[in-house]
Amino acid sequence: MMTAVESIEPKKSYMKQFALFITLTIVAITGFAQAGRISKNMTLKLRVVDSIERIQYGYLAAVADSGIIMLKSPVVFDQTLANSHLNTIAYHELKEVTIKRKGSVGRGIWMGSVAGFAVGAVIGAKNYVPCNGEYCLDPGRGGQAIGVGFLGAIGGGIVGGIIGSVAKKTFIIGGKRENYKRMKESILDRTYKSTPR
């Protein structure tokens, strides 16, 4: 026959295991939920004006605490290169930095075309009037939506290409650390996306 003390011991053991399970689950969830940064795999074109008014063109590899790391050949921005000893231009030598995403014109054309087609198709379908005349060609509501959609895609592509060609950001550094720090934060916000908490 089991005594009262013996029947309590297994319950305590199960409670300890359950508490340990809950604790480990909370630790695991918290660990996975920490905010991190994921690279957007961007290639950024650079135009750098230094303190003696020289202009250099290249691609931004990373932004270190001491300055920008610039290469002449296209490279995907990777902040892990910030500690490397590649071609670094010190922040106190920077007067002005202009950054533009590589391929922004093509992306602008593509996005503008898609948006233009969608808007044109809605307008075409909404404004459809059936043809009642003897000598007319009636494409139907769907045909008119597609036709006007293609016209919208052409217009949207042109506008998107223009916007993409002028989409750049210029930072005035003037050799000042605080200006460089603001530029660095802006670039990191642009090139990395935060994972949800």
Protein backbone atom coordinates (compact mmCIF):
# COMPACT_ATOMS: atom_id res chain seq x y z
CA MET A 1 0.00 0.00 0.00
CA MET A 2 1.35 3.50 -0.99
CA THR A 3 1.69 6.07 1.73
CA ALA A 4 0.68 9.75 1.34
CA VAL A 5 4.33 10.86 1.22
CA GLU A 6 5.15 8.39 -1.60
CA SER A 7 2.19 9.60 -3.70
CA ILE A 8 3.31 13.26 -3.39
CA GLU A 9 6.88 12.55 -4.62
CA PRO A 10 5.90 11.60 -8.23
CA LYS A 11 3.68 14.71 -8.48
CA LYS A 12 6.62 16.93 -7.45
CA SER A 13 8.80 15.26 -10.07
CA TYR A 14 6.22 15.90 -12.81
CA MET A 15 5.82 19.51 -11.69
CA LYS A 16 9.59 20.07 -11.85
CA GLN A 17 9.73 18.57 -15.36
CA PHE A 18 6.76 20.67 -16.48
CA ALA A 19 8.33 23.87 -15.05
CA LEU A 20 11.63 23.04 -16.80
CA PHE A 21 9.79 22.44 -20.08
CA ILE A 22 7.95 25.78 -19.84
CA THR A 23 11.18 27.64 -18.98
CA LEU A 24 13.08 26.11 -21.91
CA THR A 25 10.19 26.88 -24.28
CA ILE A 26 10.13 30.53 -23.22
CA VAL A 27 13.92 30.79 -23.62
CA ALA A 28 13.74 29.25 -27.11
CA ILE A 29 10.92 31.53 -28.25
CA THR A 30 12.69 34.59 -26.87
CA GLY A 31 15.93 33.60 -28.59
CA PHE A 32 14.28 33.20 -31.99
CA ALA A 33 12.30 36.41 -31.60
CA GLN A 34 15.34 38.67 -31.09
CA ALA A 35 15.47 41.42 -33.66
CA GLY A 36 18.18 40.90 -36.23
CA ARG A 37 19.03 42.27 -39.62
CA ILE A 38 18.73 40.49 -42.93
CA SER A 39 20.56 41.81 -45.96
CA LYS A 40 18.48 43.05 -48.90
CA ASN A 41 21.37 42.10 -51.24
CA MET A 42 21.72 45.57 -52.76
CA THR A 43 24.46 46.83 -55.03
CA LEU A 44 25.01 50.55 -54.45
CA LYS A 45 26.77 52.88 -56.89
CA LEU A 46 28.87 55.63 -55.35
CA ARG A 47 29.99 59.08 -56.35
CA VAL A 48 32.45 60.44 -53.78
CA VAL A 49 33.82 63.98 -53.60
CA ASP A 50 36.79 64.11 -51.23
CA SER A 51 38.22 67.00 -49.23
CA ILE A 52 40.42 68.18 -52.13
CA GLU A 53 37.51 68.09 -54.62
CA ARG A 54 38.54 64.85 -56.38
CA ILE A 55 35.59 62.83 -57.68
CA GLN A 56 35.66 59.03 -57.53
CA TYR A 57 33.13 56.52 -58.80
CA GLY A 58 32.68 52.98 -57.58
CA TYR A 59 30.52 50.63 -55.53
CA LEU A 60 29.89 50.64 -51.79
CA ALA A 61 31.08 47.41 -50.14
CA ALA A 62 30.52 48.40 -46.48
CA VAL A 63 30.53 51.31 -44.03
CA ALA A 64 33.11 51.00 -41.27
CA ASP A 65 33.38 53.24 -38.21
CA SER A 66 36.41 54.94 -39.76
CA GLY A 67 35.06 55.41 -43.31
CA ILE A 68 33.49 53.87 -46.40
CA ILE A 69 34.84 50.82 -48.18
CA MET A 70 34.61 51.40 -51.94
CA LEU A 71 35.48 49.06 -54.79
CA LYS A 72 35.72 49.74 -58.53
CA SER A 73 33.82 46.60 -59.55
CA PRO A 74 30.17 45.85 -58.66
CA VAL A 75 29.74 44.23 -55.26
CA VAL A 76 26.73 43.45 -53.08
CA PHE A 77 26.74 45.62 -49.95
CA ASP A 78 27.91 43.44 -47.05
CA GLN A 79 28.49 44.99 -43.64
CA THR A 80 30.66 42.03 -42.61
CA LEU A 81 33.36 43.59 -44.82
CA ALA A 82 33.50 46.64 -42.52
CA ASN A 83 36.45 45.18 -40.60
CA SER A 84 38.41 44.28 -43.73
CA HIS A 85 41.34 46.35 -44.94
CA LEU A 86 40.01 46.99 -48.44
CA ASN A 87 39.98 50.40 -50.15
CA THR A 88 38.75 52.55 -47.24
CA ILE A 89 38.18 56.28 -47.57
CA ALA A 90 38.30 57.85 -44.10
CA TYR A 91 35.26 59.89 -43.07
CA HIS A 92 37.37 63.01 -42.42
CA GLU A 93 38.40 62.95 -46.10
CA LEU A 94 34.77 62.85 -47.35
CA LYS A 95 33.10 66.02 -48.49
CA GLU A 96 30.05 64.57 -50.27
CA VAL A 97 28.75 61.05 -50.97
CA THR A 98 26.00 60.24 -53.49
CA ILE A 99 24.46 56.77 -53.42
CA LYS A 100 22.26 55.20 -56.08
CA ARG A 101 20.99 51.64 -56.22
CA LYS A 102 22.28 49.71 -59.24
CA GLY A 103 19.46 48.76 -61.61
CA SER A 104 17.05 51.37 -60.24
CA VAL A 105 16.02 52.46 -63.76
CA GLY A 106 15.00 48.92 -64.74
CA ARG A 107 13.14 48.42 -61.47
CA GLY A 108 11.37 51.76 -61.98
CA ILE A 109 10.28 50.78 -65.50
CA TRP A 110 9.04 47.40 -64.34
CA MET A 111 7.11 48.72 -61.34
CA GLY A 112 5.71 51.65 -63.33
CA SER A 113 4.56 49.34 -66.11
CA VAL A 114 2.77 47.00 -63.71
CA ALA A 115 1.08 49.89 -61.89
CA GLY A 116 0.20 51.61 -65.20
CA PHE A 117 -1.31 48.41 -66.60
CA ALA A 118 -3.43 47.88 -63.48
CA VAL A 119 -4.73 51.47 -63.47
CA GLY A 120 -5.34 51.42 -67.23
CA ALA A 121 -7.22 48.11 -67.05
CA VAL A 122 -9.51 49.41 -64.31
CA ILE A 123 -10.19 52.62 -66.24
CA GLY A 124 -10.80 50.68 -69.48
CA ALA A 125 -13.23 48.26 -67.83
CA LYS A 126 -15.06 51.01 -65.94
CA ASN A 127 -15.53 53.24 -68.99
CA TYR A 128 -16.60 50.51 -71.40
CA VAL A 129 -19.56 51.41 -73.61
CA PRO A 130 -20.91 48.73 -75.99
CA CYS A 131 -20.74 49.57 -79.69
CA ASN A 132 -24.18 50.09 -81.23
CA GLY A 133 -23.15 51.37 -84.64
CA GLU A 134 -23.05 49.46 -87.89
CA TYR A 135 -19.35 49.99 -88.59
CA CYS A 136 -17.64 49.47 -85.28
CA LEU A 137 -15.37 46.93 -83.69
CA ASP A 138 -16.44 46.02 -80.17
CA PRO A 139 -13.65 44.33 -78.18
CA GLY A 140 -15.90 43.82 -75.17
CA ARG A 141 -15.28 44.98 -71.62
CA GLY A 142 -12.26 42.65 -71.17
CA GLY A 143 -10.71 43.62 -74.49
CA GLN A 144 -11.03 47.31 -73.72
CA ALA A 145 -9.57 46.75 -70.24
CA ILE A 146 -6.53 44.99 -71.73
CA GLY A 147 -6.06 47.60 -74.48
CA VAL A 148 -6.21 50.57 -72.13
CA GLY A 149 -4.08 48.58 -69.66
CA PHE A 150 -1.29 48.28 -72.25
CA LEU A 151 -1.43 52.02 -72.89
CA GLY A 152 -1.20 52.58 -69.13
CA ALA A 153 1.79 50.21 -68.95
CA ILE A 154 3.67 52.24 -71.56
CA GLY A 155 3.01 55.52 -69.73
CA GLY A 156 3.76 53.99 -66.34
CA GLY A 157 7.00 52.47 -67.62
CA ILE A 158 8.20 55.84 -68.91
CA VAL A 159 7.36 57.58 -65.63
CA GLY A 160 8.92 54.74 -63.59
CA GLY A 161 12.12 54.88 -65.65
CA ILE A 162 12.42 58.63 -65.12
CA ILE A 163 11.87 58.26 -61.37
CA GLY A 164 14.38 55.39 -61.21
CA SER A 165 17.01 57.41 -63.06
CA VAL A 166 16.86 60.31 -60.59
CA ALA A 167 16.43 58.18 -57.44
CA LYS A 168 19.63 58.88 -55.52
CA LYS A 169 20.60 60.25 -52.16
CA THR A 170 23.38 62.73 -51.48
CA PHE A 171 25.00 63.08 -48.05
CA ILE A 172 27.06 66.15 -47.15
CA ILE A 173 29.79 64.90 -44.81
CA GLY A 174 32.27 67.79 -44.77
CA GLY A 175 34.76 65.64 -42.83
CA LYS A 176 32.49 65.65 -39.74
CA ARG A 177 32.00 62.47 -37.75
CA GLU A 178 28.37 63.19 -36.80
CA ASN A 179 27.40 63.67 -40.47
CA TYR A 180 29.18 60.45 -41.38
CA LYS A 181 27.43 58.61 -38.55
CA ARG A 182 24.01 59.77 -39.83
CA MET A 183 24.92 58.60 -43.34
CA LYS A 184 26.04 55.22 -42.00
CA GLU A 185 22.76 54.70 -40.11
CA SER A 186 20.75 55.69 -43.19
CA ILE A 187 22.67 53.25 -45.40
CA LEU A 188 22.26 50.38 -42.93
CA ASP A 189 18.52 51.08 -42.68
CA ARG A 190 18.30 51.02 -46.46
CA THR A 191 20.37 47.87 -47.06
CA TYR A 192 19.13 45.67 -44.22
CA LYS A 193 15.62 44.81 -43.11
CA SER A 194 14.86 44.08 -39.47
CA THR A 195 13.33 40.77 -38.52
CA PRO A 196 10.18 41.04 -36.39
CA ARG A 197 10.53 40.86 -32.62
